[in-house]
Amino acid sequence: MKSGTDTADVVIVGGGVHGASTAWHLARRGAGKIVLIEKEGIAAGASGWSSAIVRLHYTLESLVKVTMYGREIFGDWKNIVGIGESGFRQVGFLVLFDKSEVVHGREIVEMQQRLGVRASIITPDEVGDIEPRLAREDVVAGAWEPESGHADGSTVANSFIAAARDLGVDVRVGPTVLGVAADGTRVTGVVTSAGTISTGAVVVEAGYRTSALLAEHGVDLPITPVRHAIAVVERTSDFGGIHPVVSDRIVQAYYRPESDRLALLGEHDPLRGSVDPDVEGIKPPELGEQTSLFERFAARFPGQDSASLTRGYTGVYDCTPDFQPAFGKVQALDGLFVGSGFSGHGFKLSPGIGKILSDLVVDGSTDMIDVRPFRVERFAEGDELTGGEGYAHRSLA
């Protein structure tokens, strides 16, 4: 369109799982003309490299509620979304604890149970009943979610986009968003490399790049881009069937099945990796990173020291200082909304965050959770979120 004629009721910046989810939820609400802008390609960033673990184990009750909503959608995609699929596999989610984290783990499970989540604290022997191939000498207790598992980040993002397009969303891949235009107190448009789109509502869900778009309006969203390594292992032929998703709190790693023979191995610690603002770059992991992950996996699954380390890749976490996301309405500018800073655990939240942001845009409020604790302004206010006396490493924040 010619300059001055391009208008929208809502513009979404970012084509990862969060932007895609928000687009579908807004279209489902009948929010008018919706434009989604993505520079590189749908799920080209963190979403496409995500391990896409679906779990409901969170320190904060509010995030458990958000993931409960997402788990329902992932597990019943055909009937709820109707187009595409999620790739969800219900293999279960198993957490391994040492002595230092059992008390907090039990508190989380009790909270989950109050909310209606099927979760339980289990003994080392019960861990062995669920997954007998695990070494358990250092395991003091476990937490088990039989209805959890994993999905696929790229599949989910592209399926949400297909469903959003079917509802009339205008998806534009290629333009670069240069800034959010405003009249001083209110959003007036989005400036892109292809021209300006006039709009009264903008939802920025661009990962690490979100910070710069907010900074021009005096909003501080501190995000550290940390590049994380994933190692892909082909299990030995005598291993047997797939294993659950294992969160190994004792050695700070996770092991996620991929197809019938492969496993994805990753770090737990959100800050364990190199700081890399070149978030769009496709970069291989260091050999030492892959080797460290492989060694932990082989120690936890005896006999897998003969497994094959087939390849590796990296993705970037958009880490906030408290490792919790920032989402909701931006107070400094009427009509501006944000969803970013997911610190490596954003995939499973994406359906719920899409609903919350669509509620805020359309209604001005949401009935899912109290969103105030997640406001972007908390960093400037010195009011960061904490999990109390929780886990020393915030990977299960």
Protein backbone atom coordinates (compact mmCIF):
# COMPACT_ATOMS: atom_id res chain seq x y z
CA MET A 1 0.00 0.00 0.00
CA LYS A 2 1.05 3.63 -0.46
CA SER A 3 2.23 5.57 2.53
CA GLY A 4 -0.66 6.89 4.57
CA THR A 5 -3.12 4.19 3.49
CA ASP A 6 -1.70 1.27 5.48
CA THR A 7 -3.73 0.90 8.65
CA ALA A 8 -4.49 -1.78 11.22
CA ASP A 9 -6.40 -2.14 14.44
CA VAL A 10 -3.54 -4.11 16.00
CA VAL A 11 0.06 -4.68 14.88
CA ILE A 12 2.07 -7.55 16.33
CA VAL A 13 5.86 -7.40 16.11
CA GLY A 14 7.47 -10.85 16.06
CA GLY A 15 6.68 -14.18 14.42
CA GLY A 16 7.73 -16.64 17.09
CA VAL A 17 5.36 -18.79 19.12
CA HIS A 18 4.25 -15.80 21.22
CA GLY A 19 3.49 -13.46 18.35
CA ALA A 20 1.76 -16.27 16.47
CA SER A 21 -0.32 -17.24 19.50
CA THR A 22 -1.30 -13.62 20.13
CA ALA A 23 -2.33 -13.17 16.49
CA TRP A 24 -4.61 -16.22 16.63
CA HIS A 25 -6.12 -15.25 19.96
CA LEU A 26 -6.79 -11.68 18.81
CA ALA A 27 -8.38 -12.89 15.58
CA ARG A 28 -10.48 -15.32 17.54
CA ARG A 29 -11.69 -12.39 19.65
CA GLY A 30 -12.65 -10.41 16.55
CA ALA A 31 -10.11 -7.65 17.23
CA GLY A 32 -10.42 -6.14 13.75
CA LYS A 33 -7.64 -5.86 11.19
CA ILE A 34 -4.54 -7.53 12.61
CA VAL A 35 -1.10 -7.27 11.01
CA LEU A 36 1.82 -9.42 12.16
CA ILE A 37 5.33 -8.41 11.08
CA GLU A 38 8.29 -10.80 11.15
CA LYS A 39 11.69 -9.90 9.72
CA GLU A 40 13.34 -13.31 9.25
CA GLY A 41 10.59 -15.94 9.02
CA ILE A 42 8.04 -17.65 11.23
CA ALA A 43 9.84 -19.33 14.16
CA ALA A 44 13.19 -18.24 12.70
CA GLY A 45 14.47 -17.17 16.12
CA ALA A 46 14.34 -18.78 19.54
CA SER A 47 11.06 -20.59 18.82
CA GLY A 48 12.56 -22.67 16.04
CA TRP A 49 15.48 -23.80 18.23
CA SER A 50 13.39 -24.44 21.35
CA SER A 51 13.34 -27.86 22.98
CA ALA A 52 9.61 -27.16 23.40
CA ILE A 53 9.25 -28.91 26.75
CA VAL A 54 5.69 -28.85 28.07
CA ARG A 55 5.69 -28.89 31.87
CA LEU A 56 3.62 -27.36 34.65
CA HIS A 57 6.34 -27.28 37.30
CA TYR A 58 6.74 -23.60 38.20
CA THR A 59 7.56 -21.80 41.44
CA LEU A 60 4.91 -19.14 40.78
CA GLU A 61 1.27 -20.22 40.94
CA SER A 62 0.35 -17.73 38.24
CA LEU A 63 2.68 -19.37 35.73
CA VAL A 64 1.30 -22.81 36.58
CA LYS A 65 -2.13 -21.46 35.60
CA VAL A 66 -0.74 -20.09 32.34
CA THR A 67 0.88 -23.43 31.48
CA MET A 68 -2.29 -25.33 32.37
CA TYR A 69 -4.08 -23.36 29.66
CA GLY A 70 -1.26 -24.13 27.23
CA ARG A 71 -1.18 -27.83 28.07
CA GLU A 72 -4.87 -28.09 27.18
CA ILE A 73 -4.28 -26.49 23.79
CA PHE A 74 -1.16 -28.52 22.99
CA GLY A 75 -2.95 -31.75 23.86
CA ASP A 76 -6.18 -31.01 22.00
CA TRP A 77 -4.94 -28.87 19.13
CA LYS A 78 -7.26 -30.29 16.50
CA ASN A 79 -10.41 -29.44 18.43
CA ILE A 80 -9.29 -26.09 19.84
CA VAL A 81 -7.16 -24.49 17.10
CA GLY A 82 -8.37 -26.67 14.25
CA ILE A 83 -5.55 -26.04 11.77
CA GLY A 84 -2.09 -27.62 11.85
CA GLU A 85 -0.79 -29.44 14.90
CA SER A 86 1.41 -28.99 17.97
CA GLY A 87 3.57 -32.09 17.75
CA PHE A 88 2.74 -32.80 21.39
CA ARG A 89 3.95 -36.12 22.81
CA GLN A 90 2.76 -37.03 26.30
CA VAL A 91 5.89 -38.78 27.57
CA GLY A 92 5.74 -37.33 31.10
CA PHE A 93 8.00 -34.88 32.93
CA LEU A 94 10.30 -36.20 35.66
CA VAL A 95 12.34 -33.99 38.01
CA LEU A 96 15.28 -35.39 39.98
CA PHE A 97 16.15 -33.70 43.29
CA ASP A 98 19.03 -33.79 45.70
CA LYS A 99 18.56 -33.00 49.39
CA SER A 100 18.82 -29.21 48.99
CA GLU A 101 15.72 -28.89 46.77
CA VAL A 102 13.28 -31.48 48.06
CA VAL A 103 11.38 -29.13 50.37
CA HIS A 104 10.78 -26.56 47.66
CA GLY A 105 9.90 -29.25 45.15
CA ARG A 106 7.29 -30.64 47.52
CA GLU A 107 5.80 -27.16 48.01
CA ILE A 108 5.44 -26.74 44.27
CA VAL A 109 3.77 -30.12 43.82
CA GLU A 110 1.32 -29.41 46.64
CA MET A 111 0.45 -26.10 44.98
CA GLN A 112 0.00 -27.84 41.62
CA GLN A 113 -2.30 -30.39 43.20
CA ARG A 114 -4.46 -27.61 44.69
CA LEU A 115 -4.84 -26.23 41.17
CA GLY A 116 -5.86 -29.61 39.78
CA VAL A 117 -2.57 -30.65 38.16
CA ARG A 118 -1.73 -34.36 38.15
CA ALA A 119 1.64 -34.18 39.88
CA SER A 120 3.29 -36.02 42.76
CA ILE A 121 6.45 -36.19 44.84
CA ILE A 122 7.95 -39.65 44.49
CA THR A 123 10.68 -41.70 46.15
CA PRO A 124 13.86 -42.86 44.39
CA ASP A 125 12.30 -46.32 44.06
CA GLU A 126 9.24 -44.80 42.41
CA VAL A 127 11.56 -42.87 40.08
CA GLY A 128 12.95 -46.25 39.11
CA ASP A 129 9.47 -47.62 38.50
CA ILE A 130 8.81 -44.81 36.03
CA GLU A 131 12.23 -44.92 34.35
CA PRO A 132 14.28 -47.97 35.45
CA ARG A 133 17.24 -47.05 33.22
CA LEU A 134 18.13 -44.01 35.36
CA ALA A 135 21.05 -44.07 37.81
CA ARG A 136 19.47 -43.10 41.14
CA GLU A 137 22.24 -43.31 43.76
CA ASP A 138 22.28 -39.52 44.24
CA VAL A 139 18.51 -39.00 43.83
CA VAL A 140 16.76 -38.10 47.10
CA ALA A 141 13.29 -37.60 45.57
CA GLY A 142 11.54 -36.86 42.32
CA ALA A 143 8.53 -34.97 40.99
CA TRP A 144 6.35 -36.58 38.33
CA GLU A 145 3.86 -35.08 35.88
CA PRO A 146 2.43 -37.90 33.75
CA GLU A 147 0.42 -35.57 31.48
CA SER A 148 3.38 -33.40 30.46
CA GLY A 149 5.91 -33.99 27.69
CA HIS A 150 7.11 -31.99 24.71
CA ALA A 151 5.89 -30.44 21.46
CA ASP A 152 7.65 -28.71 18.54
CA GLY A 153 8.37 -24.98 18.47
CA SER A 154 8.40 -24.43 14.73
CA THR A 155 5.30 -26.57 14.21
CA VAL A 156 3.35 -24.69 16.88
CA ALA A 157 4.32 -21.25 15.57
CA ASN A 158 3.51 -22.11 11.97
CA SER A 159 0.24 -23.80 12.93
CA PHE A 160 -0.86 -20.77 14.96
CA ILE A 161 0.04 -18.59 11.96
CA ALA A 162 -1.94 -20.79 9.57
CA ALA A 163 -4.95 -20.64 11.88
CA ALA A 164 -4.55 -16.86 12.28
CA ARG A 165 -4.37 -16.37 8.52
CA ASP A 166 -7.52 -18.44 8.16
CA LEU A 167 -9.22 -15.92 10.47
CA GLY A 168 -7.98 -12.98 8.36
CA VAL A 169 -4.68 -11.98 9.97
CA ASP A 170 -2.30 -10.23 7.56
CA VAL A 171 1.11 -11.88 8.08
CA ARG A 172 4.04 -9.98 6.55
CA VAL A 173 7.44 -11.65 6.47
CA GLY A 174 10.43 -9.56 5.40
CA PRO A 175 9.99 -5.98 6.65
CA THR A 176 12.14 -4.76 9.52
CA VAL A 177 10.37 -2.89 12.32
CA LEU A 178 12.31 0.33 12.87
CA GLY A 179 10.26 1.79 15.71
CA VAL A 180 6.91 2.43 17.34
CA ALA A 181 5.43 5.81 16.46
CA ALA A 182 3.61 7.86 19.11
CA ASP A 183 2.14 11.28 19.69
CA GLY A 184 3.76 11.53 23.12
CA THR A 185 1.16 9.68 25.16
CA ARG A 186 -0.32 7.16 22.75
CA VAL A 187 0.76 4.77 20.02
CA THR A 188 0.01 6.00 16.51
CA GLY A 189 1.76 3.44 14.34
CA VAL A 190 4.64 1.13 13.55
CA VAL A 191 7.50 2.31 11.36
CA THR A 192 8.92 -0.43 9.13
CA SER A 193 11.39 -0.70 6.28
CA ALA A 194 8.35 -1.03 3.99
CA GLY A 195 6.55 2.02 5.33
CA THR A 196 4.46 3.08 8.32
CA ILE A 197 1.37 1.25 9.49
CA SER A 198 -1.09 3.48 11.33
CA THR A 199 -2.55 1.76 14.40
CA GLY A 200 -3.68 2.43 17.93
CA ALA A 201 -2.43 -0.86 19.40
CA VAL A 202 0.99 -2.51 19.11
CA VAL A 203 2.08 -5.79 20.72
CA VAL A 204 5.86 -6.22 20.76
CA GLU A 205 6.98 -9.85 21.09
CA ALA A 206 10.39 -9.74 19.45
CA GLY A 207 12.58 -11.47 22.03
CA TYR A 208 15.86 -9.68 22.72
CA ARG A 209 15.05 -7.04 20.09
CA THR A 210 12.05 -5.93 22.16
CA SER A 211 14.27 -3.89 24.49
CA ALA A 212 15.41 -1.45 21.82
CA LEU A 213 11.87 -0.82 20.61
CA LEU A 214 10.78 0.04 24.15
CA ALA A 215 13.89 2.08 25.01
CA GLU A 216 13.04 4.81 22.49
CA HIS A 217 10.02 5.55 24.68
CA GLY A 218 11.98 5.56 27.93
CA VAL A 219 10.97 2.04 28.98
CA ASP A 220 13.72 -0.08 30.53
CA LEU A 221 13.51 -3.79 29.76
CA PRO A 222 16.92 -5.27 30.62
CA ILE A 223 17.48 -8.44 28.61
CA THR A 224 20.69 -10.43 28.36
CA PRO A 225 20.86 -12.62 25.23
CA VAL A 226 22.48 -15.91 26.28
CA ARG A 227 23.32 -18.48 23.61
CA HIS A 228 22.58 -22.02 24.78
CA ALA A 229 23.93 -25.28 23.43
CA ILE A 230 21.84 -28.32 22.53
CA ALA A 231 23.48 -31.70 21.90
CA VAL A 232 21.65 -34.35 19.88
CA VAL A 233 22.41 -37.94 20.83
CA GLU A 234 21.39 -41.18 19.15
CA ARG A 235 20.79 -43.70 21.92
CA THR A 236 22.25 -47.19 21.65
CA SER A 237 20.20 -49.83 19.86
CA ASP A 238 19.64 -51.79 23.09
CA PHE A 239 18.28 -48.78 25.02
CA GLY A 240 14.64 -49.64 24.36
CA GLY A 241 11.69 -47.27 24.13
CA ILE A 242 11.70 -43.52 24.67
CA HIS A 243 12.24 -42.02 28.12
CA PRO A 244 10.31 -39.17 29.81
CA VAL A 245 11.53 -35.61 29.69
CA VAL A 246 14.01 -35.60 32.58
CA SER A 247 14.88 -32.44 34.49
CA ASP A 248 18.12 -33.43 36.25
CA ARG A 249 18.37 -30.83 38.97
CA ILE A 250 21.35 -32.62 40.49
CA VAL A 251 23.71 -32.00 37.57
CA GLN A 252 21.76 -29.09 36.03
CA ALA A 253 20.83 -30.62 32.69
CA TYR A 254 17.74 -31.87 30.91
CA TYR A 255 17.20 -34.83 28.57
CA ARG A 256 14.32 -34.77 26.12
CA PRO A 257 13.40 -37.59 23.72
CA GLU A 258 13.31 -36.74 20.03
CA SER A 259 11.79 -39.39 17.76
CA ASP A 260 12.31 -43.01 18.74
CA ARG A 261 16.11 -43.05 18.86
CA LEU A 262 17.31 -39.51 19.59
CA ALA A 263 17.56 -37.32 22.69
CA LEU A 264 18.06 -33.57 23.00
CA LEU A 265 20.39 -32.58 25.85
CA GLY A 266 20.46 -29.07 27.26
CA GLU A 267 21.64 -26.93 30.16
CA HIS A 268 19.37 -25.95 33.02
CA ASP A 269 21.08 -22.75 34.11
CA PRO A 270 19.67 -19.81 32.07
CA LEU A 271 22.98 -17.95 32.30
CA ARG A 272 25.24 -20.85 31.33
CA GLY A 273 26.28 -19.85 27.86
CA SER A 274 27.88 -16.96 26.02
CA VAL A 275 26.27 -13.54 25.83
CA ASP A 276 25.56 -12.97 22.15
CA PRO A 277 23.53 -10.03 20.82
CA ASP A 278 23.73 -11.53 17.31
CA VAL A 279 20.56 -13.45 18.11
CA GLU A 280 19.61 -14.12 14.48
CA GLY A 281 22.91 -15.84 13.73
CA ILE A 282 22.93 -19.62 13.27
CA LYS A 283 25.93 -20.86 15.20
CA PRO A 284 27.13 -24.32 16.25
CA PRO A 285 27.90 -25.07 19.90
CA GLU A 286 31.42 -25.49 21.21
CA LEU A 287 32.64 -29.08 21.34
CA GLY A 288 33.22 -28.74 25.08
CA GLU A 289 29.58 -27.75 25.62
CA GLN A 290 28.33 -30.80 23.75
CA THR A 291 30.78 -33.10 25.51
CA SER A 292 29.73 -31.85 28.95
CA LEU A 293 26.06 -32.47 28.17
CA PHE A 294 26.84 -35.90 26.76
CA GLU A 295 28.82 -36.91 29.85
CA ARG A 296 25.98 -35.94 32.18
CA PHE A 297 23.46 -37.85 30.07
CA ALA A 298 25.66 -40.97 29.98
CA ALA A 299 26.17 -40.85 33.75
CA ARG A 300 22.44 -40.60 34.36
CA PHE A 301 21.65 -43.36 31.83
CA PRO A 302 24.36 -46.00 32.41
CA GLY A 303 25.47 -47.68 29.20
CA GLN A 304 24.87 -44.60 27.08
CA ASP A 305 28.54 -43.73 26.99
CA SER A 306 28.37 -45.78 23.78
CA ALA A 307 25.64 -43.58 22.35
CA SER A 308 26.46 -41.38 19.34
CA LEU A 309 26.77 -37.62 19.61
CA THR A 310 25.27 -36.84 16.20
CA ARG A 311 25.14 -33.05 16.04
CA GLY A 312 24.51 -29.87 17.98
CA TYR A 313 22.97 -26.44 17.60
CA THR A 314 22.33 -23.31 19.63
CA GLY A 315 19.46 -20.99 20.43
CA VAL A 316 19.28 -17.73 22.37
CA TYR A 317 17.49 -17.13 25.68
CA ASP A 318 16.20 -13.60 26.31
CA CYS A 319 17.07 -13.46 30.02
CA THR A 320 15.70 -10.85 32.41
CA PRO A 321 17.41 -10.09 35.76
CA ASP A 322 14.83 -12.17 37.68
CA PHE A 323 14.49 -14.82 34.92
CA GLN A 324 10.78 -14.08 34.69
CA PRO A 325 8.95 -12.74 31.64
CA ALA A 326 7.68 -9.21 31.16
CA PHE A 327 4.23 -9.03 29.67
CA GLY A 328 1.18 -6.80 29.70
CA LYS A 329 0.36 -3.17 29.04
CA VAL A 330 3.23 -0.67 28.96
CA GLN A 331 2.28 2.22 31.24
CA ALA A 332 4.38 4.84 29.47
CA LEU A 333 2.43 4.67 26.23
CA ASP A 334 -1.25 4.00 25.80
CA GLY A 335 -1.82 1.24 23.25
CA LEU A 336 1.59 -0.42 23.69
CA PHE A 337 1.79 -4.02 24.95
CA VAL A 338 4.72 -6.35 25.45
CA GLY A 339 5.55 -10.03 25.83
CA SER A 340 9.26 -10.79 26.17
CA GLY A 341 12.10 -11.83 28.48
CA PHE A 342 11.01 -15.45 28.80
CA SER A 343 14.49 -16.58 29.89
CA GLY A 344 14.36 -19.98 28.23
CA HIS A 345 10.98 -21.15 29.48
CA GLY A 346 8.65 -19.27 27.16
CA PHE A 347 7.46 -21.98 24.78
CA LYS A 348 5.07 -23.67 27.20
CA LEU A 349 3.68 -20.27 28.22
CA SER A 350 2.93 -19.10 24.69
CA PRO A 351 -0.73 -20.13 24.37
CA GLY A 352 -1.57 -18.53 27.72
CA ILE A 353 0.40 -15.36 27.06
CA GLY A 354 -1.39 -15.03 23.72
CA LYS A 355 -4.73 -15.21 25.50
CA ILE A 356 -3.66 -12.74 28.19
CA LEU A 357 -2.40 -10.16 25.70
CA SER A 358 -5.48 -10.51 23.51
CA ASP A 359 -7.66 -9.99 26.60
CA LEU A 360 -5.70 -6.86 27.54
CA VAL A 361 -5.90 -5.41 24.03
CA VAL A 362 -9.62 -6.10 23.61
CA ASP A 363 -10.98 -5.79 27.16
CA GLY A 364 -8.29 -3.95 29.11
CA SER A 365 -8.07 -6.81 31.61
CA THR A 366 -7.75 -10.59 31.81
CA ASP A 367 -9.32 -13.19 34.07
CA MET A 368 -6.47 -15.71 33.80
CA ILE A 369 -4.02 -14.27 36.35
CA ASP A 370 -2.96 -11.04 38.03
CA VAL A 371 -0.56 -9.62 35.44
CA ARG A 372 0.78 -6.75 37.57
CA PRO A 373 3.78 -8.71 38.97
CA PHE A 374 4.99 -9.29 35.40
CA ARG A 375 4.83 -5.64 34.34
CA VAL A 376 7.86 -4.33 32.47
CA GLU A 377 8.11 -1.40 34.86
CA ARG A 378 9.16 -3.65 37.77
CA PHE A 379 12.83 -3.50 36.76
CA ALA A 380 13.03 0.30 36.93
CA GLU A 381 11.05 0.18 40.18
CA GLY A 382 13.41 -2.33 41.80
CA ASP A 383 10.50 -4.71 42.33
CA GLU A 384 11.79 -7.86 40.67
CA LEU A 385 9.95 -11.14 41.00
CA THR A 386 11.36 -13.83 43.26
CA GLY A 387 10.38 -17.39 44.05
CA GLY A 388 11.07 -16.96 47.76
CA GLU A 389 13.37 -19.62 49.19
CA GLY A 390 13.22 -21.49 45.91
CA TYR A 391 15.62 -23.23 43.60
CA ALA A 392 19.20 -22.01 43.55
CA HIS A 393 19.16 -22.19 39.75
CA ARG A 394 16.13 -20.56 38.19
CA SER A 395 15.63 -22.96 35.28
CA LEU A 396 12.37 -24.17 36.81
CA ALA A 397 11.33 -20.65 37.77
